[in-house]
Amino acid sequence: MVEATVAVLAGGLSHERDVSLRSGRRLSVALRDQGLTVQEWDTDAELLDRLRDDKPDAAIVALHGGAGENGSVQTILEMVGVPFVGTSSNGCRKAWNKPLAKALIRNAGFATPEWVSLPHSTFRELGAQPVLDAMVESLGLPLILKPDQGGSALGAQVVRDAGDLPAAMVGCLAYGDTVLAERFVDGVEVAVAVVDRDGKAEALPPVEIVPEGGVYDYTARYTAGLTDFFAPARLSEETTQAVQELAVRAHSLLGLRDISRTDAIVAEDGTVYFLEVNSSPGLTETSTVPMAFEAAGTSLGAVFTDLVQKAVQRGG
């Protein structure tokens, strides 16, 4: 391993700031245990000056939501020539836009729940209730409403009764300007981490997610004890291969790099449905990616130390 000074970028100003700080702290500890020199940097107005004046050998984007996943911070790193672990700005933009990602995955022959995506202006100009009625007529119930961009299930709500749709729409629009309404699929929820190793993308053991309340929302994700996890997931060998193939193909189709996490549902009939992909997955104590590392016989520090080395070799 080359000696390297690494800047872990965490925090930021998105709704997911607290989660990002937790990911950044855990990652920093893991890298220091591997012998790396680590600096923890918030992404604020001083970031550009710090990148120029105290240029690290590599950066790791441990930001969740907003500028950390929509390609903005990655563009800054590319402009100033700082090598970084994670997906390029172009790939981040594809993954960040959930309807676009779903369309690309569907066009490649994979299943994804039917959906519609509508901006706030459509509800305002055409009337919220008629649009919601048409949504139910088209997709049926239950539905899951979520912002078309963002993570950590913020603003996401499962709706089983049409009367609950207006409140769910308002809650969704609190976190974004566009509503993604998706047919809700009951089944086994899994998260599949993909890591670039030896020149190819490798899917790690899937992690099965069983939230206490039945829905894997923000609280269930980040409150210890509210969700049970099984790593590896309790799936047949055939289904395990299918979800891993989906994750690797999503990683490739969307132009992701180094590490990603694909979320999927395995329906009762065995169909694997793509939900979304995350280019900057969480690394907290309750996040699924570190669980996948452990199930694969490795660790957070070992994986990211290897990715740092690759980023340094790539250059800025």
Protein backbone atom coordinates (compact mmCIF):
# COMPACT_ATOMS: atom_id res chain seq x y z
CA MET A 1 0.00 0.00 0.00
CA VAL A 2 1.32 3.43 -0.96
CA GLU A 3 1.51 5.97 1.84
CA ALA A 4 -1.27 8.47 1.36
CA THR A 5 -2.99 11.37 3.01
CA VAL A 6 -6.72 11.00 2.59
CA ALA A 7 -9.39 13.65 2.98
CA VAL A 8 -12.75 12.15 3.97
CA LEU A 9 -15.46 14.56 2.83
CA ALA A 10 -18.56 14.34 5.02
CA GLY A 11 -21.32 16.50 6.41
CA GLY A 12 -22.52 19.04 3.89
CA LEU A 13 -25.85 20.83 3.98
CA SER A 14 -28.27 18.17 2.75
CA HIS A 15 -31.05 16.61 4.82
CA GLU A 16 -28.69 13.66 5.29
CA ARG A 17 -25.92 15.65 6.98
CA ASP A 18 -26.03 13.72 10.27
CA VAL A 19 -25.88 10.34 8.52
CA SER A 20 -22.97 11.54 6.40
CA LEU A 21 -21.04 12.65 9.47
CA ARG A 22 -21.57 9.22 11.03
CA SER A 23 -20.35 7.52 7.86
CA GLY A 24 -17.34 9.79 7.67
CA ARG A 25 -16.32 9.23 11.27
CA ARG A 26 -16.59 5.46 11.00
CA LEU A 27 -14.66 5.39 7.72
CA SER A 28 -11.94 7.65 9.12
CA VAL A 29 -11.38 5.37 12.10
CA ALA A 30 -11.22 2.32 9.83
CA LEU A 31 -8.65 3.94 7.53
CA ARG A 32 -6.47 5.10 10.41
CA ASP A 33 -6.48 1.53 11.69
CA GLN A 34 -5.03 0.60 8.31
CA GLY A 35 -2.18 3.08 8.80
CA LEU A 36 -3.40 5.89 6.56
CA THR A 37 -3.19 9.57 7.42
CA VAL A 38 -6.78 10.80 7.44
CA GLN A 39 -8.25 14.27 7.57
CA GLU A 40 -12.00 14.79 8.04
CA TRP A 41 -13.31 17.72 6.04
CA ASP A 42 -16.78 19.22 5.96
CA THR A 43 -17.98 20.45 2.58
CA ASP A 44 -18.43 24.13 3.19
CA ALA A 45 -17.25 27.42 1.69
CA GLU A 46 -13.66 26.62 2.70
CA LEU A 47 -13.49 23.34 0.76
CA LEU A 48 -11.99 24.68 -2.46
CA ASP A 49 -9.26 26.63 -0.65
CA ARG A 50 -8.40 23.56 1.44
CA LEU A 51 -8.23 21.36 -1.65
CA ARG A 52 -5.78 23.81 -3.26
CA ASP A 53 -3.73 24.76 -0.21
CA ASP A 54 -3.60 21.37 1.50
CA LYS A 55 -4.12 19.05 -1.44
CA PRO A 56 -4.58 15.46 -0.27
CA ASP A 57 -3.27 12.46 -2.17
CA ALA A 58 -6.87 11.31 -2.50
CA ALA A 59 -10.34 12.17 -1.27
CA ILE A 60 -13.27 9.96 -0.37
CA VAL A 61 -16.76 11.32 -0.85
CA ALA A 62 -18.73 10.14 2.19
CA LEU A 63 -21.52 12.60 1.54
CA HIS A 64 -25.14 11.49 1.31
CA GLY A 65 -27.77 13.42 -0.61
CA GLY A 66 -27.48 16.73 -2.40
CA ALA A 67 -24.12 17.85 -3.72
CA GLY A 68 -22.40 14.68 -2.56
CA GLU A 69 -24.44 12.39 -4.79
CA ASN A 70 -25.67 14.55 -7.65
CA GLY A 71 -22.17 14.99 -9.08
CA SER A 72 -21.47 18.52 -7.81
CA VAL A 73 -18.67 17.74 -5.34
CA GLN A 74 -17.23 15.19 -7.77
CA THR A 75 -17.11 17.94 -10.44
CA ILE A 76 -15.17 20.17 -8.03
CA LEU A 77 -12.66 17.39 -7.33
CA GLU A 78 -12.27 16.76 -11.05
CA MET A 79 -11.72 20.47 -11.74
CA VAL A 80 -8.97 20.85 -9.13
CA GLY A 81 -7.33 17.53 -10.02
CA VAL A 82 -7.77 15.68 -6.72
CA PRO A 83 -8.09 11.90 -7.17
CA PHE A 84 -11.07 10.51 -5.32
CA VAL A 85 -12.70 7.23 -4.39
CA GLY A 86 -16.14 6.85 -5.89
CA THR A 87 -18.12 7.48 -9.04
CA SER A 88 -17.32 10.23 -11.51
CA SER A 89 -19.60 13.26 -11.74
CA ASN A 90 -21.31 11.93 -14.87
CA GLY A 91 -22.15 8.56 -13.30
CA CYS A 92 -23.41 10.23 -10.13
CA ARG A 93 -25.92 12.26 -12.13
CA LYS A 94 -27.39 9.13 -13.69
CA ALA A 95 -27.73 7.30 -10.38
CA TRP A 96 -29.10 10.36 -8.58
CA ASN A 97 -32.03 10.68 -10.99
CA LYS A 98 -34.20 7.73 -9.92
CA PRO A 99 -36.58 7.73 -12.93
CA LEU A 100 -33.64 7.87 -15.34
CA ALA A 101 -31.87 5.03 -13.54
CA LYS A 102 -35.06 2.93 -13.57
CA ALA A 103 -35.55 3.57 -17.29
CA LEU A 104 -31.97 2.57 -18.11
CA ILE A 105 -32.27 -0.61 -16.05
CA ARG A 106 -35.63 -1.51 -17.60
CA ASN A 107 -34.28 -0.91 -21.10
CA ALA A 108 -31.53 -3.41 -20.30
CA GLY A 109 -34.14 -6.10 -19.67
CA PHE A 110 -34.45 -6.03 -15.88
CA ALA A 111 -37.70 -5.66 -13.93
CA THR A 112 -38.50 -2.51 -11.97
CA PRO A 113 -41.86 -1.54 -10.45
CA GLU A 114 -44.06 0.54 -12.75
CA TRP A 115 -43.89 4.25 -11.97
CA VAL A 116 -44.76 7.79 -12.91
CA SER A 117 -42.76 10.90 -12.11
CA LEU A 118 -44.47 14.28 -11.84
CA PRO A 119 -43.18 17.73 -10.79
CA HIS A 120 -44.88 19.87 -8.18
CA SER A 121 -46.07 22.23 -10.91
CA THR A 122 -48.27 19.48 -12.43
CA PHE A 123 -50.19 19.05 -9.18
CA ARG A 124 -50.51 22.82 -8.81
CA GLU A 125 -51.62 23.56 -12.38
CA LEU A 126 -53.92 20.58 -13.00
CA GLY A 127 -55.21 20.13 -9.48
CA ALA A 128 -53.71 17.68 -7.00
CA GLN A 129 -56.76 15.43 -6.57
CA PRO A 130 -57.42 14.72 -10.27
CA VAL A 131 -53.74 13.92 -10.80
CA LEU A 132 -53.66 11.62 -7.77
CA ASP A 133 -56.84 9.89 -8.96
CA ALA A 134 -55.25 9.29 -12.37
CA MET A 135 -52.14 7.98 -10.64
CA VAL A 136 -54.15 5.37 -8.75
CA GLU A 137 -56.08 4.45 -11.90
CA SER A 138 -52.80 3.92 -13.77
CA LEU A 139 -50.68 2.18 -11.13
CA GLY A 140 -53.17 0.81 -8.62
CA LEU A 141 -52.62 0.52 -4.89
CA PRO A 142 -50.56 0.21 -2.78
CA LEU A 143 -48.06 2.81 -3.96
CA ILE A 144 -44.85 4.17 -2.57
CA LEU A 145 -44.28 7.90 -3.01
CA LYS A 146 -40.75 9.30 -2.78
CA PRO A 147 -38.72 12.21 -4.14
CA ASP A 148 -37.25 11.48 -7.55
CA GLN A 149 -33.85 12.41 -6.11
CA GLY A 150 -32.34 11.89 -2.67
CA GLY A 151 -31.63 9.04 -0.31
CA SER A 152 -32.13 7.53 3.15
CA ALA A 153 -35.84 7.10 2.31
CA LEU A 154 -36.47 10.72 3.31
CA GLY A 155 -39.97 11.72 2.20
CA ALA A 156 -40.82 8.14 1.20
CA GLN A 157 -44.21 6.78 2.27
CA VAL A 158 -46.17 3.65 1.44
CA VAL A 159 -49.82 4.44 0.65
CA ARG A 160 -52.43 1.67 0.82
CA ASP A 161 -55.53 3.89 0.94
CA ALA A 162 -56.20 6.53 -1.72
CA GLY A 163 -57.35 8.91 1.00
CA ASP A 164 -53.81 9.05 2.35
CA LEU A 165 -52.28 10.15 -0.95
CA PRO A 166 -52.58 13.96 -0.51
CA ALA A 167 -50.69 13.92 2.80
CA ALA A 168 -48.06 11.57 1.36
CA MET A 169 -47.61 13.87 -1.63
CA VAL A 170 -47.07 16.89 0.62
CA GLY A 171 -44.57 14.95 2.74
CA CYS A 172 -42.69 13.86 -0.36
CA LEU A 173 -42.52 17.38 -1.79
CA ALA A 174 -40.93 18.59 1.45
CA TYR A 175 -37.74 16.86 0.25
CA GLY A 176 -37.85 17.55 -3.48
CA ASP A 177 -39.76 19.19 -6.32
CA THR A 178 -40.78 16.01 -8.13
CA VAL A 179 -42.80 13.03 -6.90
CA LEU A 180 -41.86 9.52 -7.98
CA ALA A 181 -44.92 7.28 -7.53
CA GLU A 182 -44.05 3.61 -7.79
CA ARG A 183 -46.18 0.48 -7.56
CA PHE A 184 -45.36 -1.05 -4.18
CA VAL A 185 -44.08 -4.62 -4.41
CA ASP A 186 -44.29 -6.89 -1.37
CA GLY A 187 -41.36 -9.22 -0.95
CA VAL A 188 -37.88 -9.64 0.47
CA GLU A 189 -35.91 -6.38 0.44
CA VAL A 190 -32.19 -6.72 -0.23
CA ALA A 191 -29.21 -4.43 -0.62
CA VAL A 192 -26.31 -5.55 -2.80
CA ALA A 193 -22.92 -3.85 -2.57
CA VAL A 194 -20.66 -3.86 -5.62
CA VAL A 195 -16.91 -3.21 -5.40
CA ASP A 196 -14.47 -2.79 -8.27
CA ARG A 197 -11.70 -5.37 -7.80
CA ASP A 198 -8.95 -6.42 -10.18
CA GLY A 199 -10.45 -4.52 -13.05
CA LYS A 200 -14.03 -5.81 -12.75
CA ALA A 201 -17.15 -5.16 -10.68
CA GLU A 202 -17.81 -7.79 -8.02
CA ALA A 203 -21.08 -8.18 -6.13
CA LEU A 204 -20.77 -8.96 -2.42
CA PRO A 205 -23.21 -11.15 -0.48
CA PRO A 206 -26.70 -9.58 -0.50
CA VAL A 207 -27.98 -8.22 2.80
CA GLU A 208 -31.62 -8.95 3.66
CA ILE A 209 -33.54 -6.15 5.36
CA VAL A 210 -36.46 -6.89 7.70
CA PRO A 211 -37.78 -3.66 9.29
CA GLU A 212 -39.82 -4.04 12.46
CA GLY A 213 -42.58 -1.80 11.12
CA GLY A 214 -42.65 -3.38 7.67
CA VAL A 215 -41.24 -0.32 5.86
CA TYR A 216 -37.54 0.50 5.64
CA ASP A 217 -37.88 4.24 6.23
CA TYR A 218 -35.38 6.75 7.63
CA THR A 219 -36.05 5.80 11.26
CA ALA A 220 -35.76 2.08 10.52
CA ARG A 221 -32.50 2.64 8.67
CA TYR A 222 -30.64 4.54 11.34
CA THR A 223 -32.12 3.47 14.68
CA ALA A 224 -30.43 0.41 16.12
CA GLY A 225 -32.83 -2.40 16.90
CA LEU A 226 -35.68 -1.34 14.60
CA THR A 227 -34.51 -3.51 11.69
CA ASP A 228 -33.17 -7.03 11.49
CA PHE A 229 -30.45 -7.73 8.94
CA PHE A 230 -29.30 -11.04 7.50
CA ALA A 231 -25.92 -11.16 5.80
CA PRO A 232 -25.90 -13.09 3.62
CA ALA A 233 -29.58 -12.85 2.75
CA ARG A 234 -31.79 -15.90 3.21
CA LEU A 235 -32.20 -16.50 -0.53
CA SER A 236 -31.76 -19.51 -2.75
CA GLU A 237 -28.52 -19.77 -4.69
CA GLU A 238 -30.38 -18.98 -7.92
CA THR A 239 -32.02 -15.86 -6.49
CA THR A 240 -28.76 -14.74 -4.91
CA GLN A 241 -27.09 -14.92 -8.31
CA ALA A 242 -29.97 -12.99 -9.87
CA VAL A 243 -29.78 -10.07 -7.42
CA GLN A 244 -26.00 -9.98 -7.73
CA GLU A 245 -26.23 -9.92 -11.52
CA LEU A 246 -28.70 -7.04 -11.31
CA ALA A 247 -26.37 -5.07 -9.03
CA VAL A 248 -23.32 -5.60 -11.24
CA ARG A 249 -25.25 -4.63 -14.37
CA ALA A 250 -26.65 -1.51 -12.67
CA HIS A 251 -23.12 -0.56 -11.60
CA SER A 252 -21.95 -0.92 -15.20
CA LEU A 253 -24.96 0.56 -17.03
CA LEU A 254 -24.96 3.72 -14.93
CA GLY A 255 -21.20 4.21 -15.18
CA LEU A 256 -20.53 3.79 -11.48
CA ARG A 257 -17.03 3.34 -10.09
CA ASP A 258 -15.28 1.81 -7.08
CA ILE A 259 -18.33 1.09 -4.93
CA SER A 260 -22.11 1.22 -5.17
CA ARG A 261 -25.19 -0.29 -3.55
CA THR A 262 -28.24 -1.52 -5.41
CA ASP A 263 -31.57 -1.86 -3.61
CA ALA A 264 -33.99 -4.51 -4.85
CA ILE A 265 -37.11 -6.47 -3.93
CA VAL A 266 -37.54 -10.19 -4.49
CA ALA A 267 -41.28 -10.74 -5.01
CA GLU A 268 -43.12 -13.84 -3.87
CA ASP A 269 -43.01 -15.27 -7.41
CA GLY A 270 -39.22 -14.91 -7.45
CA THR A 271 -39.07 -11.85 -9.70
CA VAL A 272 -36.23 -9.51 -8.78
CA TYR A 273 -37.22 -5.85 -9.03
CA PHE A 274 -34.69 -3.01 -9.21
CA LEU A 275 -35.56 -0.10 -6.90
CA GLU A 276 -32.61 2.29 -7.01
CA VAL A 277 -28.85 2.49 -6.84
CA ASN A 278 -26.67 4.56 -4.54
CA SER A 279 -23.29 5.88 -5.65
CA SER A 280 -22.29 6.96 -2.12
CA PRO A 281 -23.72 4.28 0.19
CA GLY A 282 -23.96 4.74 3.92
CA LEU A 283 -21.19 3.39 6.14
CA THR A 284 -22.77 3.80 9.57
CA GLU A 285 -23.18 1.14 12.23
CA THR A 286 -26.62 0.25 10.82
CA SER A 287 -25.70 0.51 7.11
CA THR A 288 -25.78 -2.58 4.93
CA VAL A 289 -22.49 -2.10 3.03
CA PRO A 290 -20.19 -2.76 6.04
CA MET A 291 -22.35 -5.81 6.80
CA ALA A 292 -21.72 -7.07 3.27
CA PHE A 293 -17.96 -6.55 3.74
CA GLU A 294 -18.04 -8.69 6.86
CA ALA A 295 -20.10 -11.39 5.14
CA ALA A 296 -17.51 -11.42 2.36
CA GLY A 297 -14.68 -11.92 4.84
CA THR A 298 -13.21 -8.45 4.58
CA SER A 299 -13.62 -5.09 6.34
CA LEU A 300 -14.51 -1.47 5.76
CA GLY A 301 -10.91 -0.38 6.26
CA ALA A 302 -9.42 -3.03 3.96
CA VAL A 303 -11.82 -2.34 1.10
CA PHE A 304 -11.42 1.43 1.20
CA THR A 305 -7.66 1.26 1.64
CA ASP A 306 -7.53 -0.68 -1.61
CA LEU A 307 -9.84 1.83 -3.30
CA VAL A 308 -7.65 4.71 -2.09
CA GLN A 309 -4.63 3.07 -3.68
CA LYS A 310 -6.49 2.72 -6.97
CA ALA A 311 -7.61 6.38 -6.84
CA VAL A 312 -4.03 7.55 -6.26
CA GLN A 313 -2.87 5.46 -9.20
CA ARG A 314 -5.63 6.90 -11.42
CA GLY A 315 -4.58 10.43 -10.58
CA GLY A 316 -6.68 13.55 -10.75
